[in-house]
Amino acid sequence: MLKDGGWLEVRQIGPTGTANAYIVNDRVAWSGNRDGIRYSLFSAAVLVSDDEQPDKAELGAQPPLERIPTLLPGERQLPTGDGLPPVSQPFLEGLEADLPARSAHLHQEESAE
């Protein structure tokens, strides 16, 4: 899925195909604090031969890998797309969704006026 979507590239290491290098745009792979746990991102220099690649004829003609857009200071990411279907379980007591809504009795009072 990531390879087909253009987020990473797979290169064969050695002639047998038992070892692969996964080329990831290092701006796509996250690092740093997440839930109070620190992670490190390591980079490596790996030399592979074009003779070992099953797609040797296509080397240099692949489309560029995808990049995650950069958020500038003050910008926020907004969800897009169809989203997931509604949840099939009720909300936990005290943790109801905080959505703007009108109470039924307020609506009836305003209608009467």
Protein backbone atom coordinates (compact mmCIF):
# COMPACT_ATOMS: atom_id res chain seq x y z
CA MET A 1 0.00 0.00 0.00
CA LEU A 2 2.73 2.50 0.91
CA LYS A 3 4.80 1.48 -2.10
CA ASP A 4 1.83 1.66 -4.48
CA GLY A 5 0.81 5.02 -3.01
CA GLY A 6 4.23 6.52 -3.69
CA TRP A 7 5.20 6.99 -0.03
CA LEU A 8 8.21 4.68 -0.07
CA GLU A 9 10.45 2.88 -2.50
CA VAL A 10 11.77 -0.67 -2.10
CA ARG A 11 15.29 -1.51 -3.33
CA GLN A 12 16.72 -5.01 -3.39
CA ILE A 13 20.02 -5.54 -1.55
CA GLY A 14 22.03 -8.36 -3.08
CA PRO A 15 21.21 -10.68 -5.96
CA THR A 16 18.93 -13.11 -4.07
CA GLY A 17 16.16 -10.69 -3.11
CA THR A 18 16.11 -11.80 0.53
CA ALA A 19 17.03 -8.34 1.85
CA ASN A 20 15.41 -5.05 0.92
CA ALA A 21 16.02 -1.40 1.71
CA TYR A 22 12.94 0.75 2.25
CA ILE A 23 13.50 4.33 1.14
CA VAL A 24 11.23 6.64 3.10
CA ASN A 25 11.09 10.39 2.85
CA ASP A 26 12.47 11.25 6.30
CA ARG A 27 9.98 14.10 6.60
CA VAL A 28 7.16 11.53 6.37
CA ALA A 29 8.51 9.34 9.20
CA TRP A 30 7.78 11.10 12.52
CA SER A 31 10.12 11.34 15.46
CA GLY A 32 10.29 13.19 18.75
CA ASN A 33 7.73 13.32 21.55
CA ARG A 34 4.56 11.31 21.21
CA ASP A 35 2.52 10.54 24.31
CA GLY A 36 5.55 11.42 26.42
CA ILE A 37 7.78 8.83 24.73
CA ARG A 38 10.77 9.97 22.72
CA TYR A 39 11.59 8.23 19.45
CA SER A 40 14.67 8.54 17.29
CA LEU A 41 14.85 8.48 13.53
CA PHE A 42 18.02 6.95 12.15
CA SER A 43 19.36 7.51 8.66
CA ALA A 44 21.77 5.23 6.84
CA ALA A 45 23.75 5.26 3.64
CA VAL A 46 23.13 2.03 1.73
CA LEU A 47 24.81 1.26 -1.58
CA VAL A 48 22.86 -0.96 -3.98
CA SER A 49 23.77 -1.98 -7.50
CA ASP A 50 21.41 -1.41 -10.42
CA ASP A 51 22.33 -4.91 -11.63
CA GLU A 52 20.56 -6.33 -8.54
CA GLN A 53 17.29 -4.49 -9.14
CA PRO A 54 14.39 -6.39 -10.74
CA ASP A 55 13.15 -3.11 -12.28
CA LYS A 56 16.55 -2.05 -13.64
CA ALA A 57 15.06 -0.74 -16.90
CA GLU A 58 12.77 1.66 -14.98
CA LEU A 59 15.43 3.19 -12.71
CA GLY A 60 15.48 6.96 -12.97
CA ALA A 61 12.05 7.09 -14.60
CA GLN A 62 9.91 6.59 -11.48
CA PRO A 63 7.61 9.39 -10.32
CA PRO A 64 8.82 11.28 -7.21
CA LEU A 65 7.80 9.98 -3.78
CA GLU A 66 4.84 11.67 -2.08
CA ARG A 67 5.44 14.30 0.60
CA ILE A 68 3.24 15.25 3.51
CA PRO A 69 2.28 18.93 3.23
CA THR A 70 3.95 21.28 5.69
CA LEU A 71 1.82 23.12 8.22
CA LEU A 72 2.90 26.68 8.78
CA PRO A 73 2.75 28.30 12.25
CA GLY A 74 -0.85 28.98 13.20
CA GLU A 75 -2.28 26.51 10.66
CA ARG A 76 -4.32 23.45 11.65
CA GLN A 77 -4.94 20.24 9.78
CA LEU A 78 -8.57 19.75 8.81
CA PRO A 79 -10.08 16.31 8.19
CA THR A 80 -11.39 15.68 4.69
CA GLY A 81 -13.13 12.86 2.88
CA ASP A 82 -16.09 10.66 3.70
CA GLY A 83 -14.83 9.67 7.14
CA LEU A 84 -15.86 6.61 9.09
CA PRO A 85 -19.42 5.41 9.64
CA PRO A 86 -21.10 6.46 12.90
CA VAL A 87 -20.07 4.53 15.98
CA SER A 88 -22.34 1.67 16.96
CA GLN A 89 -21.91 2.04 20.70
CA PRO A 90 -23.34 4.74 22.99
CA PHE A 91 -21.14 7.43 24.47
CA LEU A 92 -19.67 6.80 27.91
CA GLU A 93 -21.46 8.70 30.66
CA GLY A 94 -19.82 12.08 31.18
CA LEU A 95 -17.88 11.79 27.91
CA GLU A 96 -20.60 12.74 25.47
CA ALA A 97 -19.52 14.50 22.30
CA ASP A 98 -19.15 18.26 22.76
CA LEU A 99 -21.14 19.38 19.73
CA PRO A 100 -23.25 22.51 19.39
CA ALA A 101 -26.92 21.63 19.85
CA ARG A 102 -30.18 23.19 20.97
CA SER A 103 -32.30 21.74 23.75
CA ALA A 104 -35.79 20.67 22.71
CA HIS A 105 -37.48 22.76 25.43
CA LEU A 106 -35.60 25.92 24.34
CA HIS A 107 -36.71 25.37 20.75
CA GLN A 108 -40.34 24.99 21.87
CA GLU A 109 -40.17 28.17 23.99
CA GLU A 110 -38.76 30.19 21.07
CA SER A 111 -41.43 28.80 18.72
CA ALA A 112 -44.18 29.90 21.11
CA GLU A 113 -42.95 33.50 21.16
